[in-house]
Amino acid sequence: HALARRQMKGFGGVLSIELAGGYDAAKSLVGRLQLVANAVSLGGVETLAVHAASVWEGSLSIAQIEAAGVSTALVRIAVGLEHPEDLVRDFEQALVV
């Protein structure tokens, strides 16, 4: 955060979270989202979420992903222009197990 404050005048709408349940929890969260698309950046205005380990798993092993310093519990979220309350509701319903 301190580095971003020094380098930027404002902040973008991309954030990453790590779920306590690891790989399975992260993959499940992204799969349960209804409004938020499961995709990497498409250059659009919609909110996207991606479970990085799932994307790379086709070409790298879990051990290689972890060795590269990427948590298998990581979900990257690019926030779009949807109404904030709609996004909150979508994440709330996806986080309930």
N, C-alpha and C. Protein backbone atom coordinates (compact mmCIF):
# COMPACT_ATOMS: atom_id res chain seq x y z
N HIS A 1 0.82 -1.18 0.00
CA HIS A 1 0.00 0.00 0.00
C HIS A 1 0.87 1.26 0.00
N ALA A 2 1.92 1.22 0.79
CA ALA A 2 2.80 2.39 0.85
C ALA A 2 3.46 2.64 -0.51
N LEU A 3 3.89 1.58 -1.17
CA LEU A 3 4.50 1.72 -2.50
C LEU A 3 3.49 2.29 -3.49
N ALA A 4 2.28 1.78 -3.48
CA ALA A 4 1.24 2.29 -4.38
C ALA A 4 0.96 3.76 -4.13
N ARG A 5 0.95 4.16 -2.88
CA ARG A 5 0.71 5.57 -2.56
C ARG A 5 1.81 6.46 -3.10
N ARG A 6 3.05 5.95 -3.10
CA ARG A 6 4.16 6.75 -3.64
C ARG A 6 4.12 6.81 -5.17
N GLN A 7 3.67 5.74 -5.80
CA GLN A 7 3.73 5.65 -7.26
C GLN A 7 2.49 6.15 -7.98
N MET A 8 1.36 6.22 -7.30
CA MET A 8 0.10 6.54 -7.97
C MET A 8 -0.59 7.74 -7.34
N LYS A 9 -1.35 8.41 -8.17
CA LYS A 9 -2.16 9.51 -7.68
C LYS A 9 -3.51 8.99 -7.18
N GLY A 10 -3.94 7.88 -7.69
CA GLY A 10 -5.19 7.23 -7.28
C GLY A 10 -4.98 5.73 -7.33
N PHE A 11 -5.99 4.99 -7.03
CA PHE A 11 -5.87 3.54 -7.01
C PHE A 11 -6.83 2.93 -8.01
N GLY A 12 -6.43 1.81 -8.57
CA GLY A 12 -7.28 1.10 -9.51
C GLY A 12 -8.24 0.18 -8.80
N GLY A 13 -9.00 -0.52 -9.58
CA GLY A 13 -10.00 -1.41 -9.04
C GLY A 13 -9.62 -2.87 -9.11
N VAL A 14 -8.33 -3.19 -8.93
CA VAL A 14 -7.89 -4.58 -8.95
C VAL A 14 -7.38 -4.94 -7.57
N LEU A 15 -7.84 -6.05 -7.05
CA LEU A 15 -7.37 -6.50 -5.76
C LEU A 15 -7.24 -8.01 -5.77
N SER A 16 -6.49 -8.51 -4.83
CA SER A 16 -6.33 -9.95 -4.68
C SER A 16 -6.68 -10.34 -3.27
N ILE A 17 -7.28 -11.51 -3.13
CA ILE A 17 -7.60 -12.06 -1.82
C ILE A 17 -7.09 -13.50 -1.78
N GLU A 18 -6.79 -13.96 -0.58
CA GLU A 18 -6.42 -15.36 -0.39
C GLU A 18 -7.43 -15.96 0.57
N LEU A 19 -8.02 -17.08 0.19
CA LEU A 19 -9.01 -17.72 1.02
C LEU A 19 -8.37 -18.74 1.95
N ALA A 20 -8.85 -18.77 3.18
CA ALA A 20 -8.30 -19.65 4.20
C ALA A 20 -8.39 -21.12 3.80
N GLY A 21 -9.35 -21.48 2.98
CA GLY A 21 -9.54 -22.87 2.58
C GLY A 21 -8.65 -23.33 1.46
N GLY A 22 -7.71 -22.49 1.03
CA GLY A 22 -6.75 -22.90 0.01
C GLY A 22 -7.32 -23.01 -1.39
N TYR A 23 -6.70 -23.89 -2.17
CA TYR A 23 -7.03 -24.07 -3.59
C TYR A 23 -8.52 -24.33 -3.80
N ASP A 24 -9.06 -25.30 -3.08
CA ASP A 24 -10.47 -25.68 -3.29
C ASP A 24 -11.42 -24.54 -2.97
N ALA A 25 -11.16 -23.82 -1.89
CA ALA A 25 -12.03 -22.70 -1.52
C ALA A 25 -11.99 -21.60 -2.56
N ALA A 26 -10.80 -21.30 -3.06
CA ALA A 26 -10.66 -20.24 -4.06
C ALA A 26 -11.35 -20.62 -5.36
N LYS A 27 -11.13 -21.85 -5.81
CA LYS A 27 -11.77 -22.31 -7.05
C LYS A 27 -13.29 -22.33 -6.89
N SER A 28 -13.77 -22.77 -5.74
CA SER A 28 -15.22 -22.82 -5.50
C SER A 28 -15.84 -21.43 -5.46
N LEU A 29 -15.16 -20.48 -4.81
CA LEU A 29 -15.68 -19.12 -4.75
C LEU A 29 -15.91 -18.58 -6.15
N VAL A 30 -14.90 -18.67 -6.99
CA VAL A 30 -15.02 -18.13 -8.35
C VAL A 30 -16.14 -18.85 -9.11
N GLY A 31 -16.29 -20.14 -8.89
CA GLY A 31 -17.34 -20.90 -9.56
C GLY A 31 -18.74 -20.56 -9.10
N ARG A 32 -18.89 -20.07 -7.86
CA ARG A 32 -20.22 -19.74 -7.32
C ARG A 32 -20.66 -18.31 -7.62
N LEU A 33 -19.75 -17.46 -8.09
CA LEU A 33 -20.14 -16.09 -8.42
C LEU A 33 -21.13 -16.09 -9.58
N GLN A 34 -22.16 -15.28 -9.48
CA GLN A 34 -23.19 -15.24 -10.51
C GLN A 34 -23.13 -13.99 -11.37
N LEU A 35 -22.90 -12.86 -10.76
CA LEU A 35 -22.80 -11.59 -11.49
C LEU A 35 -21.38 -11.39 -12.01
N VAL A 36 -20.43 -11.72 -11.20
CA VAL A 36 -19.01 -11.54 -11.53
C VAL A 36 -18.58 -12.66 -12.47
N ALA A 37 -17.95 -12.29 -13.59
CA ALA A 37 -17.51 -13.28 -14.58
C ALA A 37 -16.20 -13.93 -14.14
N ASN A 38 -16.09 -15.22 -14.42
CA ASN A 38 -14.86 -15.97 -14.18
C ASN A 38 -14.02 -15.85 -15.43
N ALA A 39 -13.13 -14.86 -15.44
CA ALA A 39 -12.33 -14.59 -16.64
C ALA A 39 -11.14 -13.72 -16.29
N VAL A 40 -10.13 -13.78 -17.13
CA VAL A 40 -9.02 -12.84 -17.02
C VAL A 40 -9.47 -11.55 -17.71
N SER A 41 -8.68 -10.51 -17.62
CA SER A 41 -9.06 -9.22 -18.15
C SER A 41 -9.42 -9.29 -19.63
N LEU A 42 -10.60 -8.81 -19.94
CA LEU A 42 -11.07 -8.77 -21.33
C LEU A 42 -11.12 -7.34 -21.84
N GLY A 43 -10.67 -6.39 -21.04
CA GLY A 43 -10.67 -4.99 -21.46
C GLY A 43 -12.04 -4.35 -21.41
N GLY A 44 -12.98 -4.99 -20.72
CA GLY A 44 -14.33 -4.45 -20.64
C GLY A 44 -14.56 -3.70 -19.35
N VAL A 45 -15.83 -3.49 -19.03
CA VAL A 45 -16.19 -2.73 -17.84
C VAL A 45 -16.86 -3.59 -16.78
N GLU A 46 -16.92 -4.89 -17.00
CA GLU A 46 -17.57 -5.77 -16.04
C GLU A 46 -16.56 -6.29 -15.02
N THR A 47 -17.06 -6.65 -13.86
CA THR A 47 -16.21 -7.19 -12.81
C THR A 47 -15.83 -8.63 -13.16
N LEU A 48 -14.54 -8.92 -12.96
CA LEU A 48 -14.02 -10.25 -13.28
C LEU A 48 -13.31 -10.81 -12.05
N ALA A 49 -13.35 -12.13 -11.92
CA ALA A 49 -12.59 -12.81 -10.86
C ALA A 49 -11.92 -14.01 -11.50
N VAL A 50 -10.69 -14.26 -11.09
CA VAL A 50 -9.96 -15.39 -11.64
C VAL A 50 -9.17 -16.07 -10.53
N HIS A 51 -9.22 -17.38 -10.53
CA HIS A 51 -8.40 -18.20 -9.62
C HIS A 51 -7.15 -18.56 -10.41
N ALA A 52 -6.06 -17.85 -10.12
CA ALA A 52 -4.84 -17.96 -10.92
C ALA A 52 -4.32 -19.39 -11.02
N ALA A 53 -4.34 -20.14 -9.94
CA ALA A 53 -3.81 -21.50 -9.96
C ALA A 53 -4.58 -22.38 -10.94
N SER A 54 -5.88 -22.18 -11.06
CA SER A 54 -6.69 -22.96 -12.01
C SER A 54 -6.32 -22.64 -13.45
N VAL A 55 -6.03 -21.37 -13.72
CA VAL A 55 -5.68 -20.94 -15.07
C VAL A 55 -4.34 -21.55 -15.48
N TRP A 56 -3.37 -21.51 -14.58
CA TRP A 56 -2.03 -21.99 -14.90
C TRP A 56 -1.86 -23.49 -14.76
N GLU A 57 -2.82 -24.14 -14.12
CA GLU A 57 -2.68 -25.57 -13.83
C GLU A 57 -2.56 -26.41 -15.09
N GLY A 58 -3.06 -25.93 -16.20
CA GLY A 58 -2.95 -26.67 -17.45
C GLY A 58 -1.52 -26.76 -17.96
N SER A 59 -0.70 -25.77 -17.63
CA SER A 59 0.67 -25.76 -18.13
C SER A 59 1.72 -25.89 -17.04
N LEU A 60 1.34 -25.69 -15.77
CA LEU A 60 2.27 -25.80 -14.65
C LEU A 60 1.67 -26.70 -13.58
N SER A 61 2.52 -27.39 -12.86
CA SER A 61 2.04 -28.20 -11.74
C SER A 61 1.76 -27.27 -10.56
N ILE A 62 1.00 -27.76 -9.59
CA ILE A 62 0.75 -26.98 -8.38
C ILE A 62 2.07 -26.63 -7.70
N ALA A 63 3.01 -27.57 -7.68
CA ALA A 63 4.32 -27.32 -7.07
C ALA A 63 5.05 -26.17 -7.79
N GLN A 64 4.96 -26.13 -9.12
CA GLN A 64 5.60 -25.05 -9.88
C GLN A 64 4.92 -23.71 -9.62
N ILE A 65 3.62 -23.72 -9.51
CA ILE A 65 2.87 -22.49 -9.23
C ILE A 65 3.28 -21.95 -7.87
N GLU A 66 3.32 -22.83 -6.87
CA GLU A 66 3.72 -22.41 -5.53
C GLU A 66 5.19 -21.96 -5.50
N ALA A 67 6.05 -22.66 -6.24
CA ALA A 67 7.47 -22.29 -6.29
C ALA A 67 7.67 -20.90 -6.90
N ALA A 68 6.74 -20.49 -7.77
CA ALA A 68 6.81 -19.17 -8.38
C ALA A 68 6.30 -18.09 -7.43
N GLY A 69 5.84 -18.50 -6.25
CA GLY A 69 5.38 -17.55 -5.25
C GLY A 69 3.91 -17.19 -5.36
N VAL A 70 3.15 -17.96 -6.14
CA VAL A 70 1.72 -17.69 -6.28
C VAL A 70 0.95 -18.62 -5.36
N SER A 71 0.16 -18.05 -4.49
CA SER A 71 -0.65 -18.84 -3.58
C SER A 71 -1.77 -19.53 -4.35
N THR A 72 -2.00 -20.80 -4.07
CA THR A 72 -3.10 -21.51 -4.73
C THR A 72 -4.46 -21.07 -4.18
N ALA A 73 -4.44 -20.26 -3.12
CA ALA A 73 -5.67 -19.72 -2.54
C ALA A 73 -6.00 -18.33 -3.08
N LEU A 74 -5.20 -17.83 -4.02
CA LEU A 74 -5.33 -16.47 -4.53
C LEU A 74 -6.46 -16.32 -5.55
N VAL A 75 -7.27 -15.31 -5.34
CA VAL A 75 -8.30 -14.92 -6.31
C VAL A 75 -8.05 -13.46 -6.65
N ARG A 76 -7.93 -13.17 -7.94
CA ARG A 76 -7.72 -11.79 -8.42
C ARG A 76 -9.05 -11.24 -8.88
N ILE A 77 -9.38 -10.05 -8.42
CA ILE A 77 -10.67 -9.43 -8.74
C ILE A 77 -10.41 -8.08 -9.40
N ALA A 78 -10.97 -7.91 -10.59
CA ALA A 78 -10.92 -6.63 -11.29
C ALA A 78 -12.33 -6.05 -11.22
N VAL A 79 -12.49 -4.99 -10.45
CA VAL A 79 -13.82 -4.43 -10.19
C VAL A 79 -14.27 -3.57 -11.36
N GLY A 80 -15.48 -3.83 -11.81
CA GLY A 80 -16.04 -3.10 -12.94
C GLY A 80 -17.01 -2.01 -12.51
N LEU A 81 -17.99 -1.78 -13.36
CA LEU A 81 -18.91 -0.66 -13.15
C LEU A 81 -20.27 -1.06 -12.59
N GLU A 82 -20.42 -2.30 -12.16
CA GLU A 82 -21.70 -2.70 -11.58
C GLU A 82 -21.96 -1.92 -10.29
N HIS A 83 -23.20 -1.92 -9.88
CA HIS A 83 -23.55 -1.24 -8.63
C HIS A 83 -22.85 -1.97 -7.48
N PRO A 84 -22.23 -1.22 -6.57
CA PRO A 84 -21.50 -1.85 -5.46
C PRO A 84 -22.33 -2.83 -4.65
N GLU A 85 -23.58 -2.50 -4.40
CA GLU A 85 -24.43 -3.40 -3.62
C GLU A 85 -24.65 -4.72 -4.33
N ASP A 86 -24.74 -4.70 -5.65
CA ASP A 86 -24.90 -5.94 -6.42
C ASP A 86 -23.65 -6.81 -6.29
N LEU A 87 -22.49 -6.18 -6.33
CA LEU A 87 -21.24 -6.93 -6.18
C LEU A 87 -21.12 -7.51 -4.78
N VAL A 88 -21.46 -6.72 -3.78
CA VAL A 88 -21.39 -7.22 -2.40
C VAL A 88 -22.31 -8.43 -2.24
N ARG A 89 -23.54 -8.34 -2.75
CA ARG A 89 -24.48 -9.47 -2.65
C ARG A 89 -23.93 -10.71 -3.34
N ASP A 90 -23.31 -10.53 -4.51
CA ASP A 90 -22.77 -11.67 -5.23
C ASP A 90 -21.65 -12.34 -4.44
N PHE A 91 -20.74 -11.55 -3.89
CA PHE A 91 -19.66 -12.14 -3.11
C PHE A 91 -20.19 -12.76 -1.83
N GLU A 92 -21.17 -12.13 -1.20
CA GLU A 92 -21.74 -12.71 0.02
C GLU A 92 -22.35 -14.08 -0.25
N GLN A 93 -23.13 -14.19 -1.34
CA GLN A 93 -23.76 -15.49 -1.60
C GLN A 93 -22.72 -16.53 -2.02
N ALA A 94 -21.63 -16.10 -2.67
CA ALA A 94 -20.61 -17.05 -3.11
C ALA A 94 -19.73 -17.51 -1.94
N LEU A 95 -19.62 -16.70 -0.92
CA LEU A 95 -18.77 -17.05 0.23
C LEU A 95 -19.49 -17.94 1.24
N VAL A 96 -20.81 -18.00 1.16
CA VAL A 96 -21.58 -18.85 2.08
C VAL A 96 -21.48 -20.30 1.58
N VAL A 97 -21.02 -21.16 2.47
CA VAL A 97 -20.85 -22.57 2.07
C VAL A 97 -21.96 -23.40 2.66
